[in-house]
C-alpha atoms as a PDB file:
ATOM      1  CA  MET A   1      -0.042   0.160   0.171  1.00  0.00           C
ATOM      2  CA  ALA A   2       0.965   3.635  -0.990  1.00  0.00           C
ATOM      3  CA  THR A   3       1.986   5.993   1.762  1.00  0.00           C
ATOM      4  CA  ALA A   4       0.698   9.132   0.113  1.00  0.00           C
ATOM      5  CA  ASN A   5      -0.071  11.653   2.769  1.00  0.00           C
ATOM      6  CA  TRP A   6      -2.791  13.254   0.834  1.00  0.00           C
ATOM      7  CA  ARG A   7      -3.185  16.706   2.782  1.00  0.00           C
ATOM      8  CA  THR A   8      -0.073  17.689   1.092  1.00  0.00           C
ATOM      9  CA  ILE A   9      -1.141  17.697  -2.246  1.00  0.00           C
ATOM     10  CA  ASN A  10      -2.353  20.662  -4.264  1.00  0.00           C
ATOM     11  CA  ILE A  11      -5.192  20.384  -6.167  1.00  0.00           C
ATOM     12  CA  ASP A  12      -5.518  23.670  -7.997  1.00  0.00           C
ATOM     13  CA  LEU A  13      -1.927  22.619  -9.681  1.00  0.00           C
ATOM     14  CA  LEU A  14      -3.960  19.834 -11.126  1.00  0.00           C
ATOM     15  CA  ASP A  15      -6.993  21.998 -12.620  1.00  0.00           C
ATOM     16  CA  PRO A  16      -5.971  23.509 -15.262  1.00  0.00           C
ATOM     17  CA  ASP A  17      -8.807  25.612 -15.040  1.00  0.00           C
ATOM     18  CA  SER A  18      -7.637  27.157 -11.775  1.00  0.00           C
ATOM     19  CA  SER A  19      -5.948  30.411 -11.105  1.00  0.00           C
ATOM     20  CA  SER A  20      -2.901  29.294 -10.069  1.00  0.00           C
ATOM     21  CA  ASN A  21      -1.969  28.085 -13.759  1.00  0.00           C
ATOM     22  CA  PHE A  22      -3.026  31.584 -14.833  1.00  0.00           C
ATOM     23  CA  ASP A  23      -0.418  33.827 -15.937  1.00  0.00           C
ATOM     24  CA  THR A  24      -1.316  37.100 -14.079  1.00  0.00           C
ATOM     25  CA  THR A  25       1.681  39.127 -15.916  1.00  0.00           C
ATOM     26  CA  SER A  26      -0.792  39.170 -18.907  1.00  0.00           C
ATOM     27  CA  LEU A  27      -3.341  41.154 -17.136  1.00  0.00           C
ATOM     28  CA  ALA A  28      -1.589  44.173 -17.734  1.00  0.00           C
ATOM     29  CA  PRO A  29       0.070  45.737 -20.498  1.00  0.00           C
ATOM     30  CA  ALA A  30       3.623  45.984 -20.468  1.00  0.00           C
ATOM     31  CA  ILE A  31       5.257  48.932 -18.891  1.00  0.00           C
ATOM     32  CA  THR A  32       8.917  50.449 -19.988  1.00  0.00           C
ATOM     33  CA  PRO A  33      11.141  52.129 -17.553  1.00  0.00           C
ATOM     34  CA  VAL A  34      10.977  56.002 -17.217  1.00  0.00           C
ATOM     35  CA  SER A  35      14.535  57.746 -15.939  1.00  0.00           C
ATOM     36  CA  ALA A  36      14.539  60.053 -13.316  1.00  0.00           C
ATOM     37  CA  ALA A  37      15.924  62.570 -16.202  1.00  0.00           C
ATOM     38  CA  GLU A  38      12.829  62.050 -18.328  1.00  0.00           C
ATOM     39  CA  VAL A  39      10.290  62.616 -15.784  1.00  0.00           C
ATOM     40  CA  GLN A  40      12.037  65.878 -14.629  1.00  0.00           C
ATOM     41  CA  HIS A  41      12.344  67.343 -18.380  1.00  0.00           C
ATOM     42  CA  LEU A  42       8.156  66.913 -18.849  1.00  0.00           C
ATOM     43  CA  SER A  43       7.968  68.589 -15.288  1.00  0.00           C
ATOM     44  CA  SER A  44      10.434  71.176 -16.990  1.00  0.00           C
ATOM     45  CA  GLN A  45       7.809  71.114 -20.032  1.00  0.00           C
ATOM     46  CA  ILE A  46       5.043  71.389 -18.376  1.00  0.00           C
ATOM     47  CA  LYS A  47       5.894  74.253 -15.958  1.00  0.00           C
ATOM     48  CA  GLN A  48       6.322  76.140 -19.169  1.00  0.00           C
ATOM     49  CA  LEU A  49       3.489  75.471 -20.516  1.00  0.00           C
ATOM     50  CA  LEU A  50       1.785  75.882 -17.769  1.00  0.00           C
ATOM     51  CA  ARG A  51       3.681  79.958 -17.263  1.00  0.00           C
ATOM     52  CA  GLY A  52       2.736  80.279 -20.881  1.00  0.00           C
ATOM     53  CA  GLY A  53      -0.559  80.200 -20.352  1.00  0.00           C
ATOM     54  CA  ASP A  54      -1.467  77.435 -21.820  1.00  0.00           C
ATOM     55  CA  ALA A  55      -3.055  74.689 -18.512  1.00  0.00           C
ATOM     56  CA  GLU A  56      -4.593  72.415 -21.527  1.00  0.00           C
ATOM     57  CA  GLY A  57      -1.693  71.981 -23.064  1.00  0.00           C
ATOM     58  CA  ALA A  58       0.260  71.267 -19.618  1.00  0.00           C
ATOM     59  CA  LEU A  59      -3.272  68.938 -18.688  1.00  0.00           C
ATOM     60  CA  ARG A  60      -2.653  66.622 -21.696  1.00  0.00           C
ATOM     61  CA  GLY A  61       1.269  66.371 -21.656  1.00  0.00           C
ATOM     62  CA  ALA A  62       0.910  65.393 -18.020  1.00  0.00           C
ATOM     63  CA  LEU A  63      -1.628  63.109 -18.702  1.00  0.00           C
ATOM     64  CA  GLU A  64      -0.404  61.175 -22.077  1.00  0.00           C
ATOM     65  CA  ASN A  65       3.029  60.871 -20.729  1.00  0.00           C
ATOM     66  CA  ALA A  66       2.229  59.636 -17.299  1.00  0.00           C
ATOM     67  CA  PRO A  67       5.018  57.544 -15.987  1.00  0.00           C
ATOM     68  CA  TYR A  68       3.586  53.981 -15.490  1.00  0.00           C
ATOM     69  CA  GLY A  69       7.573  52.282 -14.500  1.00  0.00           C
ATOM     70  CA  GLY A  70      10.328  53.102 -12.624  1.00  0.00           C
ATOM     71  CA  ASP A  71      13.747  54.378 -13.228  1.00  0.00           C
ATOM     72  CA  SER A  72      15.645  51.127 -14.271  1.00  0.00           C
ATOM     73  CA  GLY A  73      19.062  52.359 -13.764  1.00  0.00           C
ATOM     74  CA  ALA A  74      18.509  53.981 -10.120  1.00  0.00           C
ATOM     75  CA  LYS A  75      20.716  53.435  -7.233  1.00  0.00           C
ATOM     76  CA  MET A  76      18.041  53.029  -5.051  1.00  0.00           C
ATOM     77  CA  SER A  77      15.537  50.506  -5.270  1.00  0.00           C
ATOM     78  CA  ILE A  78      13.668  49.892  -8.096  1.00  0.00           C
ATOM     79  CA  ALA A  79      10.294  50.508  -5.811  1.00  0.00           C
ATOM     80  CA  ASP A  80      11.730  53.277  -4.449  1.00  0.00           C
ATOM     81  CA  ALA A  81      12.557  54.951  -7.258  1.00  0.00           C
ATOM     82  CA  GLU A  82       9.476  54.318  -8.988  1.00  0.00           C
ATOM     83  CA  THR A  83       7.608  56.015  -6.016  1.00  0.00           C
ATOM     84  CA  LYS A  84       9.981  59.272  -5.896  1.00  0.00           C
ATOM     85  CA  LEU A  85       9.022  59.837  -9.961  1.00  0.00           C
ATOM     86  CA  LYS A  86       5.378  59.456  -9.809  1.00  0.00           C
ATOM     87  CA  GLU A  87       5.299  61.621  -6.503  1.00  0.00           C
ATOM     88  CA  VAL A  88       7.172  64.210  -8.749  1.00  0.00           C
ATOM     89  CA  HIS A  89       4.768  63.919 -11.969  1.00  0.00           C
ATOM     90  CA  LEU A  90       1.381  63.876  -9.199  1.00  0.00           C
ATOM     91  CA  ALA A  91       3.216  67.071  -8.060  1.00  0.00           C
ATOM     92  CA  ALA A  92       3.353  68.629 -11.318  1.00  0.00           C
ATOM     93  CA  VAL A  93      -0.218  67.554 -12.336  1.00  0.00           C
ATOM     94  CA  VAL A  94      -1.910  68.883  -8.691  1.00  0.00           C
ATOM     95  CA  GLU A  95      -0.370  72.367  -9.469  1.00  0.00           C
ATOM     96  CA  ILE A  96      -1.309  71.884 -12.868  1.00  0.00           C
ATOM     97  CA  LEU A  97      -5.104  71.559 -11.190  1.00  0.00           C
ATOM     98  CA  GLN A  98      -4.813  74.147  -8.617  1.00  0.00           C
ATOM     99  CA  SER A  99      -3.922  76.791 -12.043  1.00  0.00           C
ATOM    100  CA  ILE A 100      -7.153  75.874 -13.676  1.00  0.00           C
ATOM    101  CA  LYS A 101     -10.051  77.915 -12.511  1.00  0.00           C
ATOM    102  CA  GLN A 102     -13.219  76.329 -11.673  1.00  0.00           C
ATOM    103  CA  SER A 103     -15.494  78.031 -14.816  1.00  0.00           C
ATOM    104  CA  GLU A 104     -13.156  76.447 -17.612  1.00  0.00           C
ATOM    105  CA  MET A 105     -12.758  72.398 -16.289  1.00  0.00           C
ATOM    106  CA  SER A 106     -15.957  71.653 -17.507  1.00  0.00           C
ATOM    107  CA  PRO A 107     -15.146  72.922 -21.304  1.00  0.00           C
ATOM    108  CA  MET A 108     -11.562  71.456 -21.070  1.00  0.00           C
ATOM    109  CA  LEU A 109     -12.644  68.148 -19.884  1.00  0.00           C
ATOM    110  CA  SER A 110     -15.158  67.871 -22.666  1.00  0.00           C
ATOM    111  CA  ARG A 111     -12.536  69.201 -25.053  1.00  0.00           C
ATOM    112  CA  ILE A 112      -9.856  66.563 -24.097  1.00  0.00           C
ATOM    113  CA  TYR A 113     -13.135  63.793 -23.800  1.00  0.00           C
ATOM    114  CA  SER A 114     -14.065  64.424 -27.519  1.00  0.00           C
ATOM    115  CA  SER A 115     -10.145  64.013 -28.758  1.00  0.00           C
ATOM    116  CA  GLU A 116      -8.858  60.871 -29.807  1.00  0.00           C
ATOM    117  CA  GLY A 117      -7.973  58.658 -26.514  1.00  0.00           C
ATOM    118  CA  GLY A 118      -9.980  61.513 -24.927  1.00  0.00           C
ATOM    119  CA  THR A 119     -11.175  58.553 -22.396  1.00  0.00           C
ATOM    120  CA  GLU A 120      -7.839  57.254 -21.393  1.00  0.00           C
ATOM    121  CA  THR A 121      -6.175  60.391 -20.792  1.00  0.00           C
ATOM    122  CA  LEU A 122      -9.811  61.293 -18.595  1.00  0.00           C
ATOM    123  CA  ASP A 123      -9.028  57.909 -16.691  1.00  0.00           C
ATOM    124  CA  VAL A 124      -4.957  58.617 -16.080  1.00  0.00           C
ATOM    125  CA  LEU A 125      -6.967  61.900 -14.480  1.00  0.00           C
ATOM    126  CA  MET A 126      -9.047  59.991 -12.702  1.00  0.00           C
ATOM    127  CA  LYS A 127      -6.686  57.871 -11.458  1.00  0.00           C
ATOM    128  CA  TYR A 128      -4.014  61.453 -10.123  1.00  0.00           C
ATOM    129  CA  LEU A 129      -6.800  62.852  -8.642  1.00  0.00           C
ATOM    130  CA  TYR A 130      -7.387  59.930  -6.339  1.00  0.00           C
ATOM    131  CA  LYS A 131      -3.557  59.546  -6.056  1.00  0.00           C
ATOM    132  CA  GLY A 132      -3.792  62.952  -4.587  1.00  0.00           C
ATOM    133  CA  MET A 133      -6.807  62.615  -2.286  1.00  0.00           C
ATOM    134  CA  SER A 134      -4.785  60.214  -0.701  1.00  0.00           C
ATOM    135  CA  HIS A 135      -1.511  62.122  -0.345  1.00  0.00           C
ATOM    136  CA  THR A 136      -3.312  65.307   1.483  1.00  0.00           C
ATOM    137  CA  SER A 137      -5.428  63.336   3.459  1.00  0.00           C
ATOM    138  CA  GLN A 138      -2.626  61.954   5.268  1.00  0.00           C
ATOM    139  CA  PRO A 139      -0.791  64.667   7.407  1.00  0.00           C
ATOM    140  CA  THR A 140       2.566  65.810   6.688  1.00  0.00           C
ATOM    141  CA  THR A 141       3.309  65.770   9.812  1.00  0.00           C
ATOM    142  CA  ALA A 142       1.482  64.073  12.674  1.00  0.00           C
ATOM    143  CA  PRO A 143       0.404  66.568  15.352  1.00  0.00           C
ATOM    144  CA  SER A 144       1.905  66.838  18.983  1.00  0.00           C
ATOM    145  CA  ARG A 145      -0.163  66.284  21.729  1.00  0.00           C
ATOM    146  CA  THR A 146       0.698  68.158  24.546  1.00  0.00           C
ATOM    147  CA  ILE A 147      -1.379  66.713  28.259  1.00  0.00           C
ATOM    148  CA  SER A 148      -2.542  70.433  30.562  1.00  0.00           C
ATOM    149  CA  PRO A 149      -2.933  68.602  33.832  1.00  0.00           C
ATOM    150  CA  GLN A 150      -6.289  70.357  35.458  1.00  0.00           C
ATOM    151  CA  ALA A 151      -7.149  71.326  39.515  1.00  0.00           C
ATOM    152  CA  THR A 152     -10.148  68.771  38.659  1.00  0.00           C
ATOM    153  CA  GLY A 153      -7.306  66.206  38.778  1.00  0.00           C
ATOM    154  CA  PHE A 154      -8.370  65.434  35.149  1.00  0.00           C
ATOM    155  CA  SER A 155      -6.212  65.744  32.410  1.00  0.00           C
ATOM    156  CA  GLN A 156      -6.706  67.670  29.355  1.00  0.00           C
ATOM    157  CA  ILE A 157      -5.087  66.154  26.007  1.00  0.00           C
ATOM    158  CA  HIS A 158      -4.684  69.712  23.039  1.00  0.00           C
ATOM    159  CA  SER A 159      -3.290  68.671  19.751  1.00  0.00           C
ATOM    160  CA  ILE A 160      -0.816  71.317  18.278  1.00  0.00           C
ATOM    161  CA  SER A 161      -1.002  71.748  14.318  1.00  0.00           C
ATOM    162  CA  ARG A 162       2.366  72.371  12.659  1.00  0.00           C
ATOM    163  CA  GLY A 163       1.439  73.310   9.374  1.00  0.00           C
ATOM    164  CA  GLY A 164       0.409  71.465   6.563  1.00  0.00           C
ATOM    165  CA  GLY A 165      -3.175  71.769   7.642  1.00  0.00           C
ATOM    166  CA  GLU A 166      -4.622  74.389   5.765  1.00  0.00           C
ATOM    167  CA  GLY A 167      -2.958  73.913   2.342  1.00  0.00           C
ATOM    168  CA  GLY A 168      -3.845  70.013   2.597  1.00  0.00           C
ATOM    169  CA  GLY A 169      -7.374  70.854   2.690  1.00  0.00           C
ATOM    170  CA  GLN A 170      -7.205  73.607  -0.299  1.00  0.00           C
ATOM    171  CA  ALA A 171      -5.750  71.087  -2.419  1.00  0.00           C
ATOM    172  CA  MET A 172      -8.471  68.467  -1.256  1.00  0.00           C
ATOM    173  CA  SER A 173     -10.563  70.589  -2.751  1.00  0.00           C
ATOM    174  CA  VAL A 174      -9.481  71.495  -5.537  1.00  0.00           C
ATOM    175  CA  LEU A 175      -9.409  67.486  -6.285  1.00  0.00           C
ATOM    176  CA  LEU A 176     -12.717  66.797  -5.123  1.00  0.00           C
ATOM    177  CA  SER A 177     -13.774  70.092  -7.885  1.00  0.00           C
ATOM    178  CA  TRP A 178     -12.041  68.804 -10.511  1.00  0.00           C
ATOM    179  CA  HIS A 179     -14.101  64.672  -9.530  1.00  0.00           C
ATOM    180  CA  GLU A 180     -17.115  66.123  -9.464  1.00  0.00           C
ATOM    181  CA  LYS A 181     -16.579  67.851 -12.667  1.00  0.00           C
ATOM    182  CA  LEU A 182     -14.715  64.367 -14.226  1.00  0.00           C
ATOM    183  CA  VAL A 183     -17.327  62.577 -13.161  1.00  0.00           C
ATOM    184  CA  GLU A 184     -20.395  64.659 -14.776  1.00  0.00           C
ATOM    185  CA  ILE A 185     -17.974  64.385 -18.188  1.00  0.00           C
ATOM    186  CA  ALA A 186     -16.870  60.750 -18.101  1.00  0.00           C
ATOM    187  CA  GLY A 187     -19.410  59.232 -15.959  1.00  0.00           C
ATOM    188  CA  MET A 188     -19.423  56.873 -13.436  1.00  0.00           C
ATOM    189  CA  GLY A 189     -17.358  53.907 -15.847  1.00  0.00           C
ATOM    190  CA  SER A 190     -14.416  55.722 -15.685  1.00  0.00           C
ATOM    191  CA  ILE A 191     -14.371  55.447 -11.752  1.00  0.00           C
ATOM    192  CA  ILE A 192     -14.678  51.582 -12.284  1.00  0.00           C
ATOM    193  CA  ARG A 193     -12.195  51.862 -14.976  1.00  0.00           C
ATOM    194  CA  VAL A 194      -9.441  53.072 -12.860  1.00  0.00           C
ATOM    195  CA  MET A 195      -9.882  50.735 -10.140  1.00  0.00           C
ATOM    196  CA  SER A 196      -9.735  47.719 -12.069  1.00  0.00           C
ATOM    197  CA  ASP A 197      -6.660  48.987 -14.344  1.00  0.00           C
ATOM    198  CA  ARG A 198      -3.273  47.638 -12.356  1.00  0.00           C
ATOM    199  CA  ARG A 199      -1.512  49.865 -13.855  1.00  0.00           C
ATOM    200  CA  THR A 200      -0.443  52.718 -11.015  1.00  0.00           C
ATOM    201  CA  VAL A 201       0.391  56.400 -11.171  1.00  0.00           C
END
């Protein structure tokens, strides 16, 4: 009689329809690495367009050239380099969004949406809005708490804000305004496509 321990057999490997036998790399398109120099150059071009008064051109340039891949030649780890590059680009996109007046949002989004590749461009904008909201919702410095004793024997805890709260609130307000206008133009499908896309900005 054979002494096979049936508990140690991974039956998922024997099933051809199992997720264990599925190559998950086919779910996302190939991402080409982007160097730090390319992102810095793009950021300077975007700022130059913004200073020249072409906010729509700056926004299109930032969204159409989103750095999905990290810096392959970086001295730090690839994940850290990718995060740093993405944060530099995020800062440029948020700067563009903050410079555009609220009355210009809907017409600009409509023009982008009706252009070739407009749906994908607005999906990238939605990714940056969510990324920006996640960054501005986290305080840059944690508020320190001081405990002051009271005559009643109870202590009162005060939190001291060390800055960053007002600017973060203003940026969040701008991002929420853009989100509202973007959903009006692109619809709820944009949110679903962004949530299911494996490529992050």
